[in-house]
Amino acid sequence: MRFRAYLTGLAALLLLGVATPAAAQEIGQDALGYLGTFAFAESLRTWDLVKEYGGESVLDHTRDGFQPIGMRLAGGHLFFPWIQAKTDFDDNLFRAPDKNGDLRSTLSTGAELQSNFSRHMIKLTFGGETVDFKTHKALNFTNGTARADWRLDLDAADSIGGSFQTGLSHDDNFLPPAPDVVAAAIPVWSSRAGLGYMHDAGRIALATGIDYQRTYVYDTPTYSGAIADESKADNETAGAYALAIYRFSPGYQAFVAGRVDRQLALQERAAYKNNNNYRAEAGISYELDPLLKFNLMMGYNYVKYDSDLQYTFGTTIFKGGLQWLPTHRLTVSLDASRQLQRTITAPDFGQLADTVQARLQYDVYHNIIGRIDASVQRNQFIGSSRIDLLWSAGVSLDYLFNENLALTLGYEHTDRASTDSAFSYNDNRIMAILKLSQ
């Protein structure tokens, strides 16, 4: 087994990077993506005047003539197909003290089919990608995913909904070549289903739900020709959550949320990793005025393993965000958090990650958007003396040719200093993305 410390700065360079400090709570966020009520949507027309006064972030700006409009189908549905080509050069592919670079080409495609009804909702999403390395051909891989989201409005203030997704992905955080190191991206097949209920009349929102996920990690050849036993990370997780939100005013709300998960290893040789995970959160989101918003979440995360040989632990967690709009064309965001991060392929108990992120978004022109991102993360590996300090900085530019074609150019630098020198490295990545969508 080996630990993958997923880098925090890369996602902000992409088109889907986080743009605004949304609701601070993380519990139930996936469900709130498909749960919603007619009453709350209607209330936005009367007491949420933020956009009327121009207080919206750069990425929320309406860009008529430069955003996909989709294809209208019979039965009140919209169809959004897209295809994307991405090329990036990474000068430290294995994230090691000794650099080994390569050029990676990614061709991806997908489509979204969504209902266009005034009530209820159904959305189907499909996607796939193939990744090709110019020099390290053995590392090539192909991913695919499918997802369905639905919502049924019981009345104006109550709804039930659910989601199902399944897909094949690959862990491409490659380690430096060595006899006992896997010589390819590790295939991971994961399926997840969720079901939830929500009551939201505009001021008070209550949501609860359950979900289940099963993950298979496939054995992979090593550089020596042996087969690495990656499948011992196979697991299933069942969870339940509850969430309550109270909106004091259009710009001020508080919430409390709780979640419990039961994780079981599917292979007997890894059954000692069976555990219960308990998490509680409470926080506020406040809008001082349409140009200045902040949110804060405080909570506690406790993990209890069945085996007395395992390292049972608990930790406080928090997440805070600030968004400032100094001008209509500039958005400044600052986020800080402490989170417990665990991965299915980790040999230990995970890491406690303290992170600070800053980003600037600027409307260079109506169809040109620039970004600058920077982050610092301190990772403390639980049950180990290892501590990593990771920082990254990047810049990107989006050029929207028209409603169908967009180009993104980006650069990112990452540096990690570890108490274990084998994990220290610095990395530079240059990327170009061309996306065609309908």
Protein backbone atom coordinates (compact mmCIF):
# COMPACT_ATOMS: atom_id res chain seq x y z
CA MET A 1 0.00 0.00 0.00
CA ARG A 2 1.05 3.60 -0.40
CA PHE A 3 -0.32 7.00 0.55
CA ARG A 4 -1.45 9.56 -2.02
CA ALA A 5 -1.42 13.14 -0.80
CA TYR A 6 -3.70 14.85 -3.32
CA LEU A 7 -2.47 18.34 -4.12
CA THR A 8 -4.76 21.23 -3.32
CA GLY A 9 -3.74 23.89 -5.84
CA LEU A 10 -4.33 22.07 -9.11
CA ALA A 11 -8.13 22.10 -9.13
CA ALA A 12 -8.27 25.88 -8.96
CA LEU A 13 -6.61 26.12 -12.37
CA LEU A 14 -9.44 24.30 -14.09
CA LEU A 15 -12.71 25.65 -15.40
CA LEU A 16 -14.61 24.01 -12.57
CA GLY A 17 -12.52 25.58 -9.79
CA VAL A 18 -14.32 26.86 -6.70
CA ALA A 19 -15.55 30.35 -7.43
CA THR A 20 -17.39 31.50 -4.31
CA PRO A 21 -17.49 30.59 -0.63
CA ALA A 22 -20.71 28.60 -0.80
CA ALA A 23 -22.46 27.21 2.25
CA ALA A 24 -19.80 26.39 4.79
CA GLN A 25 -21.19 22.99 5.72
CA GLU A 26 -19.81 19.96 3.94
CA ILE A 27 -22.23 17.41 5.39
CA GLY A 28 -25.06 16.95 2.90
CA GLN A 29 -23.51 19.12 0.19
CA ASP A 30 -23.75 16.38 -2.43
CA ALA A 31 -27.42 15.83 -1.62
CA LEU A 32 -28.21 19.54 -1.68
CA GLY A 33 -26.99 19.49 -5.27
CA TYR A 34 -30.11 17.58 -6.32
CA LEU A 35 -32.50 18.31 -3.45
CA GLY A 36 -34.35 21.60 -3.66
CA THR A 37 -37.86 22.99 -3.28
CA PHE A 38 -40.16 25.12 -5.38
CA ALA A 39 -40.86 27.48 -2.46
CA PHE A 40 -37.20 28.30 -1.92
CA ALA A 41 -36.60 28.91 -5.64
CA GLU A 42 -39.57 31.29 -5.71
CA SER A 43 -38.36 33.15 -2.60
CA LEU A 44 -35.10 34.04 -4.32
CA ARG A 45 -37.03 36.35 -6.63
CA THR A 46 -38.16 38.55 -3.75
CA TRP A 47 -35.60 38.57 -0.95
CA ASP A 48 -32.28 37.77 -2.65
CA LEU A 49 -31.46 41.00 -4.50
CA VAL A 50 -27.71 40.47 -4.63
CA LYS A 51 -27.52 40.18 -8.41
CA GLU A 52 -29.85 43.12 -8.94
CA TYR A 53 -27.27 45.31 -7.23
CA GLY A 54 -24.32 43.81 -9.06
CA GLY A 55 -22.80 41.95 -6.11
CA GLU A 56 -21.82 38.73 -7.83
CA SER A 57 -18.47 37.04 -8.31
CA VAL A 58 -16.58 37.04 -11.60
CA LEU A 59 -17.51 33.45 -12.44
CA ASP A 60 -21.20 34.18 -11.74
CA HIS A 61 -21.35 36.94 -14.35
CA THR A 62 -23.80 36.39 -17.18
CA ARG A 63 -21.84 35.91 -20.40
CA ASP A 64 -24.46 36.04 -23.13
CA GLY A 65 -23.12 34.67 -26.39
CA PHE A 66 -20.19 32.90 -24.69
CA GLN A 67 -21.83 30.09 -22.72
CA PRO A 68 -23.30 26.80 -24.03
CA ILE A 69 -27.07 26.91 -24.48
CA GLY A 70 -27.63 23.22 -25.12
CA MET A 71 -29.92 21.45 -27.55
CA ARG A 72 -33.66 21.41 -26.89
CA LEU A 73 -35.22 17.95 -27.16
CA ALA A 74 -38.81 16.80 -27.19
CA GLY A 75 -40.50 16.36 -23.82
CA GLY A 76 -38.97 19.43 -22.18
CA HIS A 77 -35.36 18.29 -21.98
CA LEU A 78 -32.02 19.96 -22.67
CA PHE A 79 -28.94 18.16 -23.99
CA PHE A 80 -25.40 19.46 -23.38
CA PRO A 81 -22.66 17.47 -25.19
CA TRP A 82 -18.99 18.42 -25.04
CA ILE A 83 -15.54 17.25 -26.04
CA GLN A 84 -12.23 18.47 -24.64
CA ALA A 85 -8.56 18.10 -25.54
CA LYS A 86 -5.95 18.83 -22.90
CA THR A 87 -2.16 18.83 -23.12
CA ASP A 88 0.10 19.39 -20.15
CA PHE A 89 3.80 19.04 -19.51
CA ASP A 90 4.78 17.89 -16.02
CA ASP A 91 8.50 18.17 -15.27
CA ASN A 92 8.23 15.85 -12.23
CA LEU A 93 5.83 13.08 -13.15
CA PHE A 94 6.69 10.88 -10.14
CA ARG A 95 6.81 13.76 -7.62
CA ALA A 96 10.26 12.74 -6.43
CA PRO A 97 13.52 14.52 -5.46
CA ASP A 98 14.98 13.48 -8.84
CA LYS A 99 12.85 14.88 -11.65
CA ASN A 100 11.48 12.86 -14.56
CA GLY A 101 9.12 14.78 -16.85
CA ASP A 102 6.66 13.82 -19.54
CA LEU A 103 4.02 15.23 -21.85
CA ARG A 104 0.48 14.05 -21.11
CA SER A 105 -2.40 14.28 -23.59
CA THR A 106 -5.99 13.84 -22.44
CA LEU A 107 -9.03 13.51 -24.68
CA SER A 108 -12.32 13.60 -22.82
CA THR A 109 -15.95 13.75 -23.81
CA GLY A 110 -19.27 13.81 -22.05
CA ALA A 111 -22.91 14.79 -22.18
CA GLU A 112 -25.60 15.98 -19.82
CA LEU A 113 -29.31 15.44 -20.30
CA GLN A 114 -31.53 17.44 -17.96
CA SER A 115 -35.20 18.12 -17.63
CA ASN A 116 -36.51 21.63 -18.20
CA PHE A 117 -39.68 21.35 -16.11
CA SER A 118 -40.93 24.02 -13.71
CA ARG A 119 -41.34 21.24 -11.11
CA HIS A 120 -39.42 18.01 -10.47
CA MET A 121 -36.02 17.25 -11.99
CA ILE A 122 -34.00 14.52 -13.64
CA LYS A 123 -30.43 14.83 -14.88
CA LEU A 124 -28.24 12.22 -16.55
CA THR A 125 -24.50 12.77 -16.92
CA PHE A 126 -21.99 10.65 -18.84
CA GLY A 127 -18.28 11.13 -19.33
CA GLY A 128 -15.09 9.42 -20.35
CA GLU A 129 -11.44 10.22 -20.95
CA THR A 130 -8.32 8.61 -22.29
CA VAL A 131 -4.88 9.67 -21.04
CA ASP A 132 -1.73 9.15 -23.11
CA PHE A 133 1.87 9.76 -22.01
CA LYS A 134 4.42 10.54 -24.70
CA THR A 135 7.33 8.63 -23.10
CA HIS A 136 5.87 6.47 -20.30
CA LYS A 137 3.36 4.54 -22.43
CA ALA A 138 2.81 1.88 -19.75
CA LEU A 139 1.14 4.54 -17.61
CA ASN A 140 -1.67 5.24 -20.12
CA PHE A 141 -5.24 4.70 -18.87
CA THR A 142 -8.92 5.29 -19.69
CA ASN A 143 -11.67 6.44 -17.32
CA GLY A 144 -15.45 6.44 -17.61
CA THR A 145 -18.36 7.52 -15.42
CA ALA A 146 -22.15 7.77 -15.41
CA ARG A 147 -24.47 9.56 -12.97
CA ALA A 148 -28.20 10.07 -12.53
CA ASP A 149 -29.81 12.71 -10.26
CA TRP A 150 -33.55 13.12 -9.65
CA ARG A 151 -35.94 15.14 -7.52
CA LEU A 152 -39.67 14.72 -6.96
CA ASP A 153 -41.56 17.73 -5.55
CA LEU A 154 -44.13 16.49 -3.03
CA ASP A 155 -45.47 20.03 -2.61
CA ALA A 156 -44.05 23.55 -2.74
CA ALA A 157 -41.83 23.10 0.34
CA ASP A 158 -41.05 19.36 0.41
CA SER A 159 -39.08 17.16 -1.95
CA ILE A 160 -37.38 13.81 -2.12
CA GLY A 161 -34.49 13.02 -4.40
CA GLY A 162 -31.60 10.75 -5.06
CA SER A 163 -28.51 10.04 -7.07
CA PHE A 164 -26.64 7.08 -8.44
CA GLN A 165 -23.20 7.10 -9.97
CA THR A 166 -20.72 4.50 -11.07
CA GLY A 167 -17.42 4.67 -12.85
CA LEU A 168 -13.90 3.50 -13.44
CA SER A 169 -11.08 5.84 -12.45
CA HIS A 170 -7.33 5.44 -12.04
CA ASP A 171 -5.01 6.57 -9.29
CA ASP A 172 -2.33 8.37 -11.28
CA ASN A 173 -0.21 9.66 -8.39
CA PHE A 174 2.76 7.64 -9.60
CA LEU A 175 5.67 6.73 -7.35
CA PRO A 176 9.28 6.65 -8.63
CA PRO A 177 10.07 3.35 -10.42
CA ALA A 178 11.32 0.60 -8.10
CA PRO A 179 10.91 -3.22 -8.07
CA ASP A 180 8.02 -3.20 -5.55
CA VAL A 181 6.25 -0.12 -6.99
CA VAL A 182 3.24 -0.48 -9.30
CA ALA A 183 4.14 0.14 -12.93
CA ALA A 184 0.76 1.54 -14.03
CA ALA A 185 -2.13 3.65 -12.86
CA ILE A 186 -4.19 1.70 -10.30
CA PRO A 187 -7.78 0.99 -11.51
CA VAL A 188 -10.51 1.89 -9.02
CA TRP A 189 -14.16 1.01 -9.65
CA SER A 190 -16.60 2.83 -7.39
CA SER A 191 -20.41 2.96 -7.25
CA ARG A 192 -22.48 5.18 -4.99
CA ALA A 193 -26.21 5.66 -4.36
CA GLY A 194 -27.97 8.25 -2.21
CA LEU A 195 -31.54 9.06 -1.16
CA GLY A 196 -32.65 12.21 0.63
CA TYR A 197 -35.58 14.30 1.85
CA MET A 198 -35.73 18.08 2.19
CA HIS A 199 -38.16 20.61 3.64
CA ASP A 200 -37.40 24.21 2.70
CA ALA A 201 -39.95 27.02 2.70
CA GLY A 202 -37.37 29.78 2.39
CA ARG A 203 -36.38 30.50 6.00
CA ILE A 204 -36.06 27.05 7.60
CA ALA A 205 -34.50 24.10 5.76
CA LEU A 206 -34.31 20.53 7.04
CA ALA A 207 -32.63 17.72 5.13
CA THR A 208 -31.82 14.10 5.89
CA GLY A 209 -30.59 11.21 3.82
CA ILE A 210 -28.71 7.96 3.51
CA ASP A 211 -26.06 6.77 1.07
CA TYR A 212 -24.02 3.70 0.24
CA GLN A 213 -20.75 3.29 -1.64
CA ARG A 214 -18.77 0.25 -2.73
CA THR A 215 -15.20 0.54 -4.04
CA TYR A 216 -12.97 -2.04 -5.68
CA VAL A 217 -9.23 -1.44 -6.13
CA TYR A 218 -7.63 -3.78 -8.68
CA ASP A 219 -4.30 -5.55 -8.32
CA THR A 220 -1.63 -3.96 -10.51
CA PRO A 221 1.73 -5.22 -11.88
CA THR A 222 4.93 -3.85 -10.34
CA TYR A 223 8.16 -2.98 -12.13
CA SER A 224 9.60 -6.36 -11.08
CA GLY A 225 6.72 -8.19 -12.80
CA ALA A 226 5.03 -9.24 -9.57
CA ILE A 227 1.41 -8.33 -8.81
CA ALA A 228 0.82 -5.74 -6.09
CA ASP A 229 -2.03 -6.65 -3.72
CA GLU A 230 -4.04 -3.46 -4.12
CA SER A 231 -7.42 -5.22 -3.81
CA LYS A 232 -7.06 -5.46 -0.04
CA ALA A 233 -8.27 -1.84 -0.05
CA ASP A 234 -11.72 -2.95 -1.34
CA ASN A 235 -14.39 -1.49 0.95
CA GLU A 236 -18.00 -0.51 1.37
CA THR A 237 -19.37 2.45 3.30
CA ALA A 238 -22.91 3.13 4.47
CA GLY A 239 -23.78 6.53 5.91
CA ALA A 240 -26.60 8.76 7.13
CA TYR A 241 -26.75 12.52 7.70
CA ALA A 242 -29.08 15.24 9.00
CA LEU A 243 -28.88 18.97 8.34
CA ALA A 244 -30.81 22.01 9.58
CA ILE A 245 -30.48 25.57 8.25
CA TYR A 246 -32.10 28.73 9.61
CA ARG A 247 -31.98 31.92 7.52
CA PHE A 248 -32.20 34.96 9.79
CA SER A 249 -32.19 37.33 6.81
CA PRO A 250 -31.29 37.23 3.09
CA GLY A 251 -27.60 37.43 3.95
CA TYR A 252 -27.34 35.65 7.30
CA GLN A 253 -27.89 31.96 8.04
CA ALA A 254 -26.78 29.36 10.55
CA PHE A 255 -26.67 25.59 10.35
CA VAL A 256 -26.03 22.41 12.32
CA ALA A 257 -25.30 19.03 10.73
CA GLY A 258 -24.25 15.54 11.70
CA ARG A 259 -23.13 12.42 9.87
CA VAL A 260 -22.20 8.83 10.74
CA ASP A 261 -20.50 6.31 8.45
CA ARG A 262 -19.78 2.60 8.79
CA GLN A 263 -16.86 1.40 6.68
CA LEU A 264 -16.14 -2.30 6.14
CA ALA A 265 -13.23 -3.96 4.36
CA LEU A 266 -14.38 -6.44 1.71
CA GLN A 267 -11.21 -8.53 2.00
CA GLU A 268 -10.55 -10.55 5.15
CA ARG A 269 -6.87 -9.66 5.13
CA ALA A 270 -7.79 -6.00 5.66
CA ALA A 271 -10.76 -6.45 8.03
CA TYR A 272 -8.79 -4.75 10.82
CA LYS A 273 -9.53 -1.45 9.07
CA ASN A 274 -13.30 -1.70 9.78
CA ASN A 275 -14.39 1.52 11.50
CA ASN A 276 -17.13 3.95 12.42
CA ASN A 277 -16.70 7.59 11.47
CA TYR A 278 -18.66 10.27 13.35
CA ARG A 279 -18.75 13.92 12.28
CA ALA A 280 -20.60 16.99 13.58
CA GLU A 281 -20.61 20.54 12.22
CA ALA A 282 -22.11 23.92 13.08
CA GLY A 283 -21.55 27.27 11.47
CA ILE A 284 -22.78 30.51 9.94
CA SER A 285 -22.73 32.27 6.58
CA TYR A 286 -22.93 36.05 6.72
CA GLU A 287 -23.18 38.76 4.08
CA LEU A 288 -21.99 42.08 5.50
CA ASP A 289 -23.18 43.67 2.26
CA PRO A 290 -23.46 42.41 -1.34
CA LEU A 291 -19.71 42.95 -1.76
CA LEU A 292 -18.38 41.15 1.33
CA LYS A 293 -19.36 37.67 2.47
CA PHE A 294 -17.87 35.16 4.87
CA ASN A 295 -18.67 31.75 6.29
CA LEU A 296 -17.37 29.70 9.20
CA MET A 297 -17.83 26.05 10.16
CA MET A 298 -16.56 24.36 13.32
CA GLY A 299 -16.86 20.67 14.03
CA TYR A 300 -15.42 17.45 15.36
CA ASN A 301 -14.45 14.25 13.55
CA TYR A 302 -14.01 10.97 15.45
CA VAL A 303 -12.91 7.64 13.96
CA LYS A 304 -13.32 4.41 15.98
CA TYR A 305 -11.75 1.22 14.62
CA ASP A 306 -13.12 -2.20 15.56
CA SER A 307 -9.64 -3.57 16.22
CA ASP A 308 -7.86 -2.51 19.40
CA LEU A 309 -4.64 -2.60 17.38
CA GLN A 310 -5.78 0.36 15.31
CA TYR A 311 -5.20 3.99 16.14
CA THR A 312 -8.61 5.36 17.20
CA PHE A 313 -8.59 9.16 17.17
CA GLY A 314 -10.65 12.34 17.09
CA THR A 315 -9.89 15.89 16.00
CA THR A 316 -11.49 19.30 15.75
CA ILE A 317 -12.14 20.52 12.22
CA PHE A 318 -13.03 23.89 10.79
CA LYS A 319 -13.57 25.69 7.51
CA GLY A 320 -13.75 29.42 6.90
CA GLY A 321 -14.09 31.51 3.78
CA LEU A 322 -14.10 35.17 2.82
CA GLN A 323 -15.20 36.66 -0.51
CA TRP A 324 -14.64 40.31 -1.35
CA LEU A 325 -15.72 42.12 -4.50
CA PRO A 326 -13.56 45.28 -4.60
CA THR A 327 -14.84 45.98 -8.13
CA HIS A 328 -17.38 44.42 -10.46
CA ARG A 329 -14.50 42.86 -12.43
CA LEU A 330 -12.42 41.51 -9.52
CA THR A 331 -13.20 38.80 -6.97
CA VAL A 332 -10.89 38.04 -4.04
CA SER A 333 -11.37 34.83 -2.05
CA LEU A 334 -9.56 33.51 1.01
CA ASP A 335 -10.23 30.12 2.59
CA ALA A 336 -8.74 28.31 5.58
CA SER A 337 -9.54 24.83 6.84
CA ARG A 338 -8.52 21.88 8.99
CA GLN A 339 -9.78 18.55 7.68
CA LEU A 340 -9.15 14.87 8.29
CA GLN A 341 -8.19 13.28 4.95
CA ARG A 342 -8.16 9.53 4.34
CA THR A 343 -7.66 7.57 1.11
CA ILE A 344 -8.58 3.97 0.42
CA THR A 345 -5.03 3.10 -0.63
CA ALA A 346 -3.37 4.52 2.49
CA PRO A 347 -1.20 2.27 4.67
CA ASP A 348 -1.79 4.43 7.72
CA PHE A 349 -4.69 6.33 9.27
CA GLY A 350 -4.70 9.37 7.02
CA GLN A 351 -3.53 12.90 7.55
CA LEU A 352 -4.63 16.02 9.35
CA ALA A 353 -4.48 18.79 6.75
CA ASP A 354 -4.29 22.49 7.66
CA THR A 355 -4.81 24.55 4.50
CA VAL A 356 -4.89 28.22 3.53
CA GLN A 357 -5.91 29.15 -0.02
CA ALA A 358 -6.17 32.48 -1.81
CA ARG A 359 -7.48 33.23 -5.29
CA LEU A 360 -8.05 36.23 -7.51
CA GLN A 361 -10.49 36.15 -10.42
CA TYR A 362 -10.45 39.01 -12.89
CA ASP A 363 -12.63 39.88 -15.86
CA VAL A 364 -9.98 40.93 -18.36
CA TYR A 365 -12.80 41.30 -20.86
CA HIS A 366 -16.34 39.98 -21.18
CA ASN A 367 -15.03 36.70 -22.66
CA ILE A 368 -11.56 36.59 -21.03
CA ILE A 369 -11.20 35.52 -17.38
CA GLY A 370 -7.91 35.42 -15.50
CA ARG A 371 -7.10 33.60 -12.24
CA ILE A 372 -4.25 33.60 -9.76
CA ASP A 373 -4.22 30.89 -7.07
CA ALA A 374 -1.96 30.13 -4.14
CA SER A 375 -2.19 27.63 -1.29
CA VAL A 376 -0.19 26.39 1.69
CA GLN A 377 -0.97 23.04 3.33
CA ARG A 378 0.56 21.35 6.36
CA ASN A 379 -0.06 17.59 6.48
CA GLN A 380 0.46 15.70 9.71
CA PHE A 381 0.35 11.93 9.16
CA ILE A 382 -1.61 10.32 11.98
CA GLY A 383 0.25 7.50 13.72
CA SER A 384 3.54 8.69 12.21
CA SER A 385 6.14 11.37 12.85
CA ARG A 386 6.06 12.47 9.21
CA ILE A 387 4.98 16.07 8.50
CA ASP A 388 4.77 17.64 5.04
CA LEU A 389 4.60 21.31 4.13
CA LEU A 390 3.11 21.75 0.69
CA TRP A 391 2.66 25.02 -1.18
CA SER A 392 1.54 25.74 -4.69
CA ALA A 393 0.87 28.76 -6.87
CA GLY A 394 -0.63 29.01 -10.31
CA VAL A 395 -2.10 31.27 -12.94
CA SER A 396 -4.62 30.54 -15.68
CA LEU A 397 -6.50 32.34 -18.44
CA ASP A 398 -9.84 31.37 -20.01
CA TYR A 399 -10.65 32.67 -23.47
CA LEU A 400 -14.25 32.12 -24.60
CA PHE A 401 -14.33 32.28 -28.41
CA ASN A 402 -18.11 31.88 -28.55
CA GLU A 403 -20.84 29.85 -26.88
CA ASN A 404 -19.30 26.61 -28.17
CA LEU A 405 -15.51 26.97 -27.97
CA ALA A 406 -13.25 27.83 -25.03
CA LEU A 407 -9.49 27.78 -24.46
CA THR A 408 -7.72 27.59 -21.08
CA LEU A 409 -4.00 28.16 -20.55
CA GLY A 410 -2.41 27.55 -17.17
CA TYR A 411 0.78 27.15 -15.18
CA GLU A 412 1.31 25.75 -11.68
CA HIS A 413 4.32 25.34 -9.41
CA THR A 414 4.24 22.97 -6.43
CA ASP A 415 6.81 22.44 -3.70
CA ARG A 416 6.70 19.89 -0.87
CA ALA A 417 9.15 19.79 2.04
CA SER A 418 8.83 16.63 4.13
CA THR A 419 10.48 15.42 7.32
CA ASP A 420 11.08 12.27 5.24
CA SER A 421 13.36 13.53 2.46
CA ALA A 422 12.16 10.77 0.10
CA PHE A 423 8.84 12.63 -0.20
CA SER A 424 10.25 16.12 -0.83
CA TYR A 425 10.01 17.50 -4.38
CA ASN A 426 9.17 20.48 -6.55
CA ASP A 427 7.11 20.34 -9.71
CA ASN A 428 6.14 22.60 -12.61
CA ARG A 429 3.14 21.97 -14.83
CA ILE A 430 2.09 23.82 -17.98
CA MET A 431 -1.30 23.06 -19.49
CA ALA A 432 -3.56 23.96 -22.41
CA ILE A 433 -7.24 22.93 -22.66
CA LEU A 434 -9.51 23.33 -25.67
CA LYS A 435 -13.19 22.58 -25.05
CA LEU A 436 -15.99 22.31 -27.62
CA SER A 437 -19.51 22.22 -26.21
CA GLN A 438 -23.08 22.71 -27.40
